[in-house]
Amino acid sequence: MDQKVTIPADASNAQLKFYLRVLTNEGTSYSQYDKLTVQVLDGYGTYNMGTWSNLDASSSYQLQTVDLDNFRGKTVTLRFKGVEDSSQATLFRIDDASVTAN
């Protein structure tokens, strides 16, 4: 899932915030089989800003915060990229995603 956003150059603090709940059928507590990565694409590169996996499974939504300060003054693409193996399923439920810059 991709979304373009512009981060104001004069922002003193820029963040992506979202709630994440991870549900998994993976039977391990030590191996990352399925992953969700938040990426920022700025036209020069793709930057991995945070990764969650089947090991982050929980019974409730957890607030996640990604720092976007390095992208002030740019229009960037925010990407939620999910990768899963061919075995057990993992669900990455994302809710209430927003970018704040002040």
PDB file of N, CA and C in Angstrom:
ATOM      1  N   MET A   1       0.846  -1.151   0.000  1.00  0.00           N
ATOM      2  CA  MET A   1       0.000   0.000   0.000  1.00  0.00           C
ATOM      3  C   MET A   1       0.905   1.231   0.000  1.00  0.00           C
ATOM      4  N   ASP A   2       0.701   2.131  -0.955  1.00  0.00           N
ATOM      5  CA  ASP A   2       1.526   3.338  -1.093  1.00  0.00           C
ATOM      6  C   ASP A   2       0.673   4.588  -0.912  1.00  0.00           C
ATOM      7  N   GLN A   3       1.299   5.636  -0.371  1.00  0.00           N
ATOM      8  CA  GLN A   3       0.646   6.939  -0.258  1.00  0.00           C
ATOM      9  C   GLN A   3       1.709   8.022  -0.359  1.00  0.00           C
ATOM     10  N   LYS A   4       1.496   8.997  -1.265  1.00  0.00           N
ATOM     11  CA  LYS A   4       2.410  10.134  -1.374  1.00  0.00           C
ATOM     12  C   LYS A   4       2.026  11.195  -0.362  1.00  0.00           C
ATOM     13  N   VAL A   5       3.045  11.777   0.267  1.00  0.00           N
ATOM     14  CA  VAL A   5       2.842  12.873   1.213  1.00  0.00           C
ATOM     15  C   VAL A   5       3.969  13.887   1.037  1.00  0.00           C
ATOM     16  N   THR A   6       3.679  15.117   1.376  1.00  0.00           N
ATOM     17  CA  THR A   6       4.698  16.165   1.368  1.00  0.00           C
ATOM     18  C   THR A   6       4.983  16.550   2.809  1.00  0.00           C
ATOM     19  N   ILE A   7       6.253  16.505   3.173  1.00  0.00           N
ATOM     20  CA  ILE A   7       6.687  16.893   4.516  1.00  0.00           C
ATOM     21  C   ILE A   7       7.158  18.340   4.435  1.00  0.00           C
ATOM     22  N   PRO A   8       6.537  19.269   5.148  1.00  0.00           N
ATOM     23  CA  PRO A   8       6.947  20.680   5.071  1.00  0.00           C
ATOM     24  C   PRO A   8       8.403  20.870   5.492  1.00  0.00           C
ATOM     25  N   ALA A   9       9.092  21.754   4.789  1.00  0.00           N
ATOM     26  CA  ALA A   9      10.504  22.018   5.081  1.00  0.00           C
ATOM     27  C   ALA A   9      10.701  22.629   6.465  1.00  0.00           C
ATOM     28  N   ASP A  10       9.717  23.401   6.921  1.00  0.00           N
ATOM     29  CA  ASP A  10       9.861  24.092   8.209  1.00  0.00           C
ATOM     30  C   ASP A  10       9.318  23.285   9.392  1.00  0.00           C
ATOM     31  N   ALA A  11       8.953  22.038   9.177  1.00  0.00           N
ATOM     32  CA  ALA A  11       8.442  21.206  10.271  1.00  0.00           C
ATOM     33  C   ALA A  11       9.561  20.890  11.255  1.00  0.00           C
ATOM     34  N   SER A  12       9.277  21.052  12.521  1.00  0.00           N
ATOM     35  CA  SER A  12      10.282  20.714  13.533  1.00  0.00           C
ATOM     36  C   SER A  12      10.198  19.243  13.923  1.00  0.00           C
ATOM     37  N   ASN A  13       9.059  18.622  13.607  1.00  0.00           N
ATOM     38  CA  ASN A  13       8.859  17.232  13.975  1.00  0.00           C
ATOM     39  C   ASN A  13       7.892  16.609  12.970  1.00  0.00           C
ATOM     40  N   ALA A  14       8.311  15.574  12.275  1.00  0.00           N
ATOM     41  CA  ALA A  14       7.453  14.889  11.308  1.00  0.00           C
ATOM     42  C   ALA A  14       7.436  13.398  11.636  1.00  0.00           C
ATOM     43  N   GLN A  15       6.216  12.844  11.719  1.00  0.00           N
ATOM     44  CA  GLN A  15       6.075  11.443  12.106  1.00  0.00           C
ATOM     45  C   GLN A  15       4.929  10.787  11.354  1.00  0.00           C
ATOM     46  N   LEU A  16       5.093   9.507  11.116  1.00  0.00           N
ATOM     47  CA  LEU A  16       4.006   8.645  10.692  1.00  0.00           C
ATOM     48  C   LEU A  16       3.586   7.863  11.932  1.00  0.00           C
ATOM     49  N   LYS A  17       2.286   7.916  12.235  1.00  0.00           N
ATOM     50  CA  LYS A  17       1.766   7.147  13.364  1.00  0.00           C
ATOM     51  C   LYS A  17       0.660   6.239  12.853  1.00  0.00           C
ATOM     52  N   PHE A  18       0.634   5.029  13.384  1.00  0.00           N
ATOM     53  CA  PHE A  18      -0.426   4.100  13.037  1.00  0.00           C
ATOM     54  C   PHE A  18      -0.546   3.053  14.143  1.00  0.00           C
ATOM     55  N   TYR A  19      -1.703   2.433  14.178  1.00  0.00           N
ATOM     56  CA  TYR A  19      -1.931   1.343  15.115  1.00  0.00           C
ATOM     57  C   TYR A  19      -1.788   0.029  14.366  1.00  0.00           C
ATOM     58  N   LEU A  20      -1.097  -0.910  14.985  1.00  0.00           N
ATOM     59  CA  LEU A  20      -0.816  -2.195  14.354  1.00  0.00           C
ATOM     60  C   LEU A  20      -1.200  -3.327  15.301  1.00  0.00           C
ATOM     61  N   ARG A  21      -1.912  -4.291  14.730  1.00  0.00           N
ATOM     62  CA  ARG A  21      -2.173  -5.537  15.450  1.00  0.00           C
ATOM     63  C   ARG A  21      -1.704  -6.671  14.555  1.00  0.00           C
ATOM     64  N   VAL A  22      -0.892  -7.540  15.110  1.00  0.00           N
ATOM     65  CA  VAL A  22      -0.341  -8.676  14.373  1.00  0.00           C
ATOM     66  C   VAL A  22      -0.986  -9.950  14.903  1.00  0.00           C
ATOM     67  N   LEU A  23      -1.595 -10.698  13.989  1.00  0.00           N
ATOM     68  CA  LEU A  23      -2.187 -11.996  14.313  1.00  0.00           C
ATOM     69  C   LEU A  23      -1.458 -13.044  13.485  1.00  0.00           C
ATOM     70  N   THR A  24      -1.067 -14.141  14.106  1.00  0.00           N
ATOM     71  CA  THR A  24      -0.279 -15.128  13.366  1.00  0.00           C
ATOM     72  C   THR A  24      -0.666 -16.555  13.718  1.00  0.00           C
ATOM     73  N   ASN A  25      -0.473 -17.422  12.745  1.00  0.00           N
ATOM     74  CA  ASN A  25      -0.603 -18.858  12.955  1.00  0.00           C
ATOM     75  C   ASN A  25       0.771 -19.533  13.020  1.00  0.00           C
ATOM     76  N   GLU A  26       1.839 -18.739  12.885  1.00  0.00           N
ATOM     77  CA  GLU A  26       3.191 -19.295  12.973  1.00  0.00           C
ATOM     78  C   GLU A  26       3.389 -19.898  14.366  1.00  0.00           C
ATOM     79  N   GLY A  27       4.038 -21.029  14.421  1.00  0.00           N
ATOM     80  CA  GLY A  27       4.196 -21.747  15.677  1.00  0.00           C
ATOM     81  C   GLY A  27       5.523 -21.520  16.369  1.00  0.00           C
ATOM     82  N   THR A  28       6.250 -20.490  15.985  1.00  0.00           N
ATOM     83  CA  THR A  28       7.572 -20.269  16.578  1.00  0.00           C
ATOM     84  C   THR A  28       7.603 -18.951  17.335  1.00  0.00           C
ATOM     85  N   SER A  29       8.475 -18.883  18.291  1.00  0.00           N
ATOM     86  CA  SER A  29       8.642 -17.636  19.040  1.00  0.00           C
ATOM     87  C   SER A  29      10.046 -17.071  18.849  1.00  0.00           C
ATOM     88  N   TYR A  30      10.762 -17.561  17.825  1.00  0.00           N
ATOM     89  CA  TYR A  30      12.131 -17.088  17.628  1.00  0.00           C
ATOM     90  C   TYR A  30      12.499 -16.789  16.175  1.00  0.00           C
ATOM     91  N   SER A  31      11.644 -17.116  15.200  1.00  0.00           N
ATOM     92  CA  SER A  31      11.989 -16.874  13.794  1.00  0.00           C
ATOM     93  C   SER A  31      10.987 -15.937  13.138  1.00  0.00           C
ATOM     94  N   GLN A  32      11.512 -14.956  12.408  1.00  0.00           N
ATOM     95  CA  GLN A  32      10.680 -14.026  11.655  1.00  0.00           C
ATOM     96  C   GLN A  32      10.395 -14.627  10.286  1.00  0.00           C
ATOM     97  N   TYR A  33       9.196 -15.136  10.103  1.00  0.00           N
ATOM     98  CA  TYR A  33       8.823 -15.720   8.820  1.00  0.00           C
ATOM     99  C   TYR A  33       8.049 -14.728   7.950  1.00  0.00           C
ATOM    100  N   ASP A  34       7.196 -13.948   8.573  1.00  0.00           N
ATOM    101  CA  ASP A  34       6.335 -12.999   7.864  1.00  0.00           C
ATOM    102  C   ASP A  34       6.652 -11.606   8.386  1.00  0.00           C
ATOM    103  N   LYS A  35       6.770 -10.633   7.464  1.00  0.00           N
ATOM    104  CA  LYS A  35       7.205  -9.295   7.873  1.00  0.00           C
ATOM    105  C   LYS A  35       6.372  -8.202   7.229  1.00  0.00           C
ATOM    106  N   LEU A  36       6.205  -7.122   7.970  1.00  0.00           N
ATOM    107  CA  LEU A  36       5.644  -5.880   7.475  1.00  0.00           C
ATOM    108  C   LEU A  36       6.727  -4.823   7.632  1.00  0.00           C
ATOM    109  N   THR A  37       7.070  -4.152   6.537  1.00  0.00           N
ATOM    110  CA  THR A  37       8.090  -3.114   6.572  1.00  0.00           C
ATOM    111  C   THR A  37       7.477  -1.797   6.132  1.00  0.00           C
ATOM    112  N   VAL A  38       7.760  -0.741   6.879  1.00  0.00           N
ATOM    113  CA  VAL A  38       7.382   0.610   6.463  1.00  0.00           C
ATOM    114  C   VAL A  38       8.585   1.190   5.738  1.00  0.00           C
ATOM    115  N   GLN A  39       8.358   1.610   4.487  1.00  0.00           N
ATOM    116  CA  GLN A  39       9.419   2.172   3.663  1.00  0.00           C
ATOM    117  C   GLN A  39       9.073   3.595   3.270  1.00  0.00           C
ATOM    118  N   VAL A  40      10.117   4.394   3.048  1.00  0.00           N
ATOM    119  CA  VAL A  40       9.976   5.734   2.484  1.00  0.00           C
ATOM    120  C   VAL A  40      10.772   5.754   1.188  1.00  0.00           C
ATOM    121  N   LEU A  41      10.116   6.176   0.101  1.00  0.00           N
ATOM    122  CA  LEU A  41      10.762   6.324  -1.206  1.00  0.00           C
ATOM    123  C   LEU A  41      10.808   7.813  -1.511  1.00  0.00           C
ATOM    124  N   ASP A  42      12.010   8.348  -1.770  1.00  0.00           N
ATOM    125  CA  ASP A  42      12.131   9.785  -2.009  1.00  0.00           C
ATOM    126  C   ASP A  42      12.646  10.139  -3.404  1.00  0.00           C
ATOM    127  N   GLY A  43      12.679   9.176  -4.299  1.00  0.00           N
ATOM    128  CA  GLY A  43      13.179   9.422  -5.646  1.00  0.00           C
ATOM    129  C   GLY A  43      14.660   9.125  -5.791  1.00  0.00           C
ATOM    130  N   TYR A  44      15.366   9.033  -4.682  1.00  0.00           N
ATOM    131  CA  TYR A  44      16.793   8.707  -4.694  1.00  0.00           C
ATOM    132  C   TYR A  44      17.063   7.325  -4.127  1.00  0.00           C
ATOM    133  N   GLY A  45      16.149   6.855  -3.296  1.00  0.00           N
ATOM    134  CA  GLY A  45      16.346   5.562  -2.675  1.00  0.00           C
ATOM    135  C   GLY A  45      15.089   5.104  -1.957  1.00  0.00           C
ATOM    136  N   THR A  46      15.156   3.886  -1.472  1.00  0.00           N
ATOM    137  CA  THR A  46      14.091   3.296  -0.667  1.00  0.00           C
ATOM    138  C   THR A  46      14.677   3.010   0.703  1.00  0.00           C
ATOM    139  N   TYR A  47      14.041   3.543   1.731  1.00  0.00           N
ATOM    140  CA  TYR A  47      14.576   3.467   3.089  1.00  0.00           C
ATOM    141  C   TYR A  47      13.611   2.667   3.961  1.00  0.00           C
ATOM    142  N   ASN A  48      14.118   1.631   4.609  1.00  0.00           N
ATOM    143  CA  ASN A  48      13.323   0.845   5.549  1.00  0.00           C
ATOM    144  C   ASN A  48      13.320   1.567   6.888  1.00  0.00           C
ATOM    145  N   MET A  49      12.127   1.951   7.327  1.00  0.00           N
ATOM    146  CA  MET A  49      12.007   2.770   8.527  1.00  0.00           C
ATOM    147  C   MET A  49      11.550   1.976   9.748  1.00  0.00           C
ATOM    148  N   GLY A  50      11.093   0.769   9.546  1.00  0.00           N
ATOM    149  CA  GLY A  50      10.652  -0.072  10.658  1.00  0.00           C
ATOM    150  C   GLY A  50      10.132  -1.387  10.122  1.00  0.00           C
ATOM    151  N   THR A  51      10.363  -2.460  10.883  1.00  0.00           N
ATOM    152  CA  THR A  51       9.903  -3.779  10.478  1.00  0.00           C
ATOM    153  C   THR A  51       9.266  -4.481  11.666  1.00  0.00           C
ATOM    154  N   TRP A  52       8.129  -5.118  11.394  1.00  0.00           N
ATOM    155  CA  TRP A  52       7.416  -5.920  12.377  1.00  0.00           C
ATOM    156  C   TRP A  52       7.222  -7.298  11.779  1.00  0.00           C
ATOM    157  N   SER A  53       7.064  -8.302  12.616  1.00  0.00           N
ATOM    158  CA  SER A  53       6.972  -9.667  12.105  1.00  0.00           C
ATOM    159  C   SER A  53       5.961 -10.481  12.903  1.00  0.00           C
ATOM    160  N   ASN A  54       5.870 -11.763  12.569  1.00  0.00           N
ATOM    161  CA  ASN A  54       5.016 -12.675  13.322  1.00  0.00           C
ATOM    162  C   ASN A  54       5.405 -12.710  14.799  1.00  0.00           C
ATOM    163  N   LEU A  55       6.628 -12.335  15.127  1.00  0.00           N
ATOM    164  CA  LEU A  55       7.062 -12.313  16.526  1.00  0.00           C
ATOM    165  C   LEU A  55       6.418 -11.181  17.315  1.00  0.00           C
ATOM    166  N   ASP A  56       5.794 -10.222  16.616  1.00  0.00           N
ATOM    167  CA  ASP A  56       5.142  -9.085  17.267  1.00  0.00           C
ATOM    168  C   ASP A  56       3.644  -9.312  17.486  1.00  0.00           C
ATOM    169  N   ALA A  57       3.206 -10.557  17.376  1.00  0.00           N
ATOM    170  CA  ALA A  57       1.789 -10.868  17.559  1.00  0.00           C
ATOM    171  C   ALA A  57       1.315 -10.396  18.932  1.00  0.00           C
ATOM    172  N   SER A  58       0.091  -9.848  18.957  1.00  0.00           N
ATOM    173  CA  SER A  58      -0.460  -9.356  20.219  1.00  0.00           C
ATOM    174  C   SER A  58      -1.984  -9.460  20.181  1.00  0.00           C
ATOM    175  N   SER A  59      -2.570  -9.300  21.326  1.00  0.00           N
ATOM    176  CA  SER A  59      -4.022  -9.409  21.433  1.00  0.00           C
ATOM    177  C   SER A  59      -4.724  -8.067  21.254  1.00  0.00           C
ATOM    178  N   SER A  60      -3.951  -6.998  21.024  1.00  0.00           N
ATOM    179  CA  SER A  60      -4.554  -5.678  20.853  1.00  0.00           C
ATOM    180  C   SER A  60      -3.709  -4.836  19.905  1.00  0.00           C
ATOM    181  N   TYR A  61      -4.264  -3.720  19.480  1.00  0.00           N
ATOM    182  CA  TYR A  61      -3.537  -2.784  18.621  1.00  0.00           C
ATOM    183  C   TYR A  61      -2.496  -2.032  19.444  1.00  0.00           C
ATOM    184  N   GLN A  62      -1.331  -1.814  18.831  1.00  0.00           N
ATOM    185  CA  GLN A  62      -0.238  -1.086  19.480  1.00  0.00           C
ATOM    186  C   GLN A  62       0.125   0.122  18.629  1.00  0.00           C
ATOM    187  N   LEU A  63       0.294   1.274  19.256  1.00  0.00           N
ATOM    188  CA  LEU A  63       0.691   2.483  18.528  1.00  0.00           C
ATOM    189  C   LEU A  63       2.138   2.367  18.077  1.00  0.00           C
ATOM    190  N   GLN A  64       2.368   2.643  16.786  1.00  0.00           N
ATOM    191  CA  GLN A  64       3.713   2.632  16.207  1.00  0.00           C
ATOM    192  C   GLN A  64       4.014   4.038  15.692  1.00  0.00           C
ATOM    193  N   THR A  65       5.245   4.479  15.867  1.00  0.00           N
ATOM    194  CA  THR A  65       5.657   5.807  15.416  1.00  0.00           C
ATOM    195  C   THR A  65       6.925   5.673  14.586  1.00  0.00           C
ATOM    196  N   VAL A  66       6.909   6.307  13.395  1.00  0.00           N
ATOM    197  CA  VAL A  66       8.060   6.293  12.495  1.00  0.00           C
ATOM    198  C   VAL A  66       8.509   7.735  12.298  1.00  0.00           C
ATOM    199  N   ASP A  67       9.774   8.012  12.558  1.00  0.00           N
ATOM    200  CA  ASP A  67      10.349   9.352  12.426  1.00  0.00           C
ATOM    201  C   ASP A  67      10.569   9.691  10.954  1.00  0.00           C
ATOM    202  N   LEU A  68      10.008  10.828  10.521  1.00  0.00           N
ATOM    203  CA  LEU A  68      10.159  11.272   9.130  1.00  0.00           C
ATOM    204  C   LEU A  68      10.966  12.566   9.017  1.00  0.00           C
ATOM    205  N   ASP A  69      11.663  12.962  10.065  1.00  0.00           N
ATOM    206  CA  ASP A  69      12.400  14.235  10.078  1.00  0.00           C
ATOM    207  C   ASP A  69      13.411  14.349   8.937  1.00  0.00           C
ATOM    208  N   ASN A  70      14.030  13.257   8.536  1.00  0.00           N
ATOM    209  CA  ASN A  70      15.047  13.317   7.476  1.00  0.00           C
ATOM    210  C   ASN A  70      14.468  13.629   6.105  1.00  0.00           C
ATOM    211  N   PHE A  71      13.154  13.647   6.000  1.00  0.00           N
ATOM    212  CA  PHE A  71      12.509  13.867   4.703  1.00  0.00           C
ATOM    213  C   PHE A  71      11.793  15.214   4.628  1.00  0.00           C
ATOM    214  N   ARG A  72      12.119  16.122   5.545  1.00  0.00           N
ATOM    215  CA  ARG A  72      11.513  17.458   5.514  1.00  0.00           C
ATOM    216  C   ARG A  72      11.847  18.154   4.202  1.00  0.00           C
ATOM    217  N   GLY A  73      10.827  18.827   3.646  1.00  0.00           N
ATOM    218  CA  GLY A  73      11.012  19.545   2.390  1.00  0.00           C
ATOM    219  C   GLY A  73      10.877  18.671   1.158  1.00  0.00           C
ATOM    220  N   LYS A  74      10.449  17.428   1.323  1.00  0.00           N
ATOM    221  CA  LYS A  74      10.340  16.502   0.198  1.00  0.00           C
ATOM    222  C   LYS A  74       8.928  15.931   0.090  1.00  0.00           C
ATOM    223  N   THR A  75       8.568  15.574  -1.132  1.00  0.00           N
ATOM    224  CA  THR A  75       7.388  14.754  -1.358  1.00  0.00           C
ATOM    225  C   THR A  75       7.875  13.322  -1.479  1.00  0.00           C
ATOM    226  N   VAL A  76       7.367  12.469  -0.617  1.00  0.00           N
ATOM    227  CA  VAL A  76       7.835  11.086  -0.547  1.00  0.00           C
ATOM    228  C   VAL A  76       6.642  10.135  -0.677  1.00  0.00           C
ATOM    229  N   THR A  77       6.950   8.894  -0.947  1.00  0.00           N
ATOM    230  CA  THR A  77       5.939   7.842  -0.940  1.00  0.00           C
ATOM    231  C   THR A  77       6.161   6.986   0.298  1.00  0.00           C
ATOM    232  N   LEU A  78       5.118   6.845   1.099  1.00  0.00           N
ATOM    233  CA  LEU A  78       5.150   5.945   2.244  1.00  0.00           C
ATOM    234  C   LEU A  78       4.578   4.613   1.788  1.00  0.00           C
ATOM    235  N   ARG A  79       5.257   3.538   2.131  1.00  0.00           N
ATOM    236  CA  ARG A  79       4.836   2.214   1.690  1.00  0.00           C
ATOM    237  C   ARG A  79       4.766   1.259   2.878  1.00  0.00           C
ATOM    238  N   PHE A  80       3.654   0.555   2.978  1.00  0.00           N
ATOM    239  CA  PHE A  80       3.527  -0.571   3.896  1.00  0.00           C
ATOM    240  C   PHE A  80       3.702  -1.818   3.042  1.00  0.00           C
ATOM    241  N   LYS A  81       4.785  -2.546   3.254  1.00  0.00           N
ATOM    242  CA  LYS A  81       5.114  -3.694   2.415  1.00  0.00           C
ATOM    243  C   LYS A  81       5.083  -4.968   3.257  1.00  0.00           C
ATOM    244  N   GLY A  82       4.176  -5.870   2.908  1.00  0.00           N
ATOM    245  CA  GLY A  82       4.070  -7.136   3.613  1.00  0.00           C
ATOM    246  C   GLY A  82       4.680  -8.264   2.803  1.00  0.00           C
ATOM    247  N   VAL A  83       5.427  -9.133   3.463  1.00  0.00           N
ATOM    248  CA  VAL A  83       6.036 -10.305   2.828  1.00  0.00           C
ATOM    249  C   VAL A  83       5.748 -11.501   3.729  1.00  0.00           C
ATOM    250  N   GLU A  84       5.252 -12.559   3.099  1.00  0.00           N
ATOM    251  CA  GLU A  84       4.891 -13.751   3.865  1.00  0.00           C
ATOM    252  C   GLU A  84       5.510 -14.985   3.225  1.00  0.00           C
ATOM    253  N   ASP A  85       5.852 -15.959   4.053  1.00  0.00           N
ATOM    254  CA  ASP A  85       6.368 -17.217   3.518  1.00  0.00           C
ATOM    255  C   ASP A  85       5.197 -18.095   3.066  1.00  0.00           C
ATOM    256  N   SER A  86       5.489 -19.280   2.611  1.00  0.00           N
ATOM    257  CA  SER A  86       4.446 -20.153   2.070  1.00  0.00           C
ATOM    258  C   SER A  86       3.822 -21.060   3.125  1.00  0.00           C
ATOM    259  N   SER A  87       4.188 -20.878   4.367  1.00  0.00           N
ATOM    260  CA  SER A  87       3.694 -21.759   5.420  1.00  0.00           C
ATOM    261  C   SER A  87       2.472 -21.145   6.105  1.00  0.00           C
ATOM    262  N   GLN A  88       2.557 -20.858   7.360  1.00  0.00           N
ATOM    263  CA  GLN A  88       1.440 -20.356   8.162  1.00  0.00           C
ATOM    264  C   GLN A  88       1.179 -18.870   7.893  1.00  0.00           C
ATOM    265  N   ALA A  89      -0.061 -18.457   8.070  1.00  0.00           N
ATOM    266  CA  ALA A  89      -0.472 -17.086   7.772  1.00  0.00           C
ATOM    267  C   ALA A  89      -0.207 -16.143   8.939  1.00  0.00           C
ATOM    268  N   THR A  90       0.096 -14.891   8.584  1.00  0.00           N
ATOM    269  CA  THR A  90       0.181 -13.796   9.538  1.00  0.00           C
ATOM    270  C   THR A  90      -0.607 -12.634   8.961  1.00  0.00           C
ATOM    271  N   LEU A  91      -1.409 -11.999   9.801  1.00  0.00           N
ATOM    272  CA  LEU A  91      -2.173 -10.816   9.406  1.00  0.00           C
ATOM    273  C   LEU A  91      -1.566  -9.588  10.067  1.00  0.00           C
ATOM    274  N   PHE A  92      -1.360  -8.550   9.279  1.00  0.00           N
ATOM    275  CA  PHE A  92      -0.893  -7.266   9.794  1.00  0.00           C
ATOM    276  C   PHE A  92      -2.050  -6.280   9.623  1.00  0.00           C
ATOM    277  N   ARG A  93      -2.740  -5.988  10.699  1.00  0.00           N
ATOM    278  CA  ARG A  93      -3.883  -5.083  10.662  1.00  0.00           C
ATOM    279  C   ARG A  93      -3.417  -3.681  11.031  1.00  0.00           C
ATOM    280  N   ILE A  94      -3.622  -2.752  10.103  1.00  0.00           N
ATOM    281  CA  ILE A  94      -3.200  -1.360  10.276  1.00  0.00           C
ATOM    282  C   ILE A  94      -4.446  -0.505  10.403  1.00  0.00           C
ATOM    283  N   ASP A  95      -4.449   0.398  11.375  1.00  0.00           N
ATOM    284  CA  ASP A  95      -5.596   1.266  11.579  1.00  0.00           C
ATOM    285  C   ASP A  95      -5.113   2.674  11.924  1.00  0.00           C
ATOM    286  N   ASP A  96      -5.896   3.650  11.522  1.00  0.00           N
ATOM    287  CA  ASP A  96      -5.724   5.046  11.925  1.00  0.00           C
ATOM    288  C   ASP A  96      -4.308   5.575  11.632  1.00  0.00           C
ATOM    289  N   ALA A  97      -3.843   5.369  10.394  1.00  0.00           N
ATOM    290  CA  ALA A  97      -2.526   5.871   9.990  1.00  0.00           C
ATOM    291  C   ALA A  97      -2.615   7.363   9.688  1.00  0.00           C
ATOM    292  N   SER A  98      -1.625   8.123  10.163  1.00  0.00           N
ATOM    293  CA  SER A  98      -1.610   9.566   9.886  1.00  0.00           C
ATOM    294  C   SER A  98      -0.177  10.074   9.912  1.00  0.00           C
ATOM    295  N   VAL A  99       0.035  11.146   9.160  1.00  0.00           N
ATOM    296  CA  VAL A  99       1.324  11.838   9.174  1.00  0.00           C
ATOM    297  C   VAL A  99       1.100  13.180   9.848  1.00  0.00           C
ATOM    298  N   THR A 100       1.939  13.476  10.814  1.00  0.00           N
ATOM    299  CA  THR A 100       1.880  14.772  11.474  1.00  0.00           C
ATOM    300  C   THR A 100       3.204  15.493  11.283  1.00  0.00           C
ATOM    301  N   ALA A 101       3.107  16.786  11.055  1.00  0.00           N
ATOM    302  CA  ALA A 101       4.303  17.626  10.911  1.00  0.00           C
ATOM    303  C   ALA A 101       3.986  18.950  11.569  1.00  0.00           C
ATOM    304  N   ASN A 102       4.782  19.322  12.552  1.00  0.00           N
ATOM    305  CA  ASN A 102       4.564  20.602  13.233  1.00  0.00           C
ATOM    306  C   ASN A 102       5.874  21.269  13.564  1.00  0.00           C
TER     307      ASN A 102
END
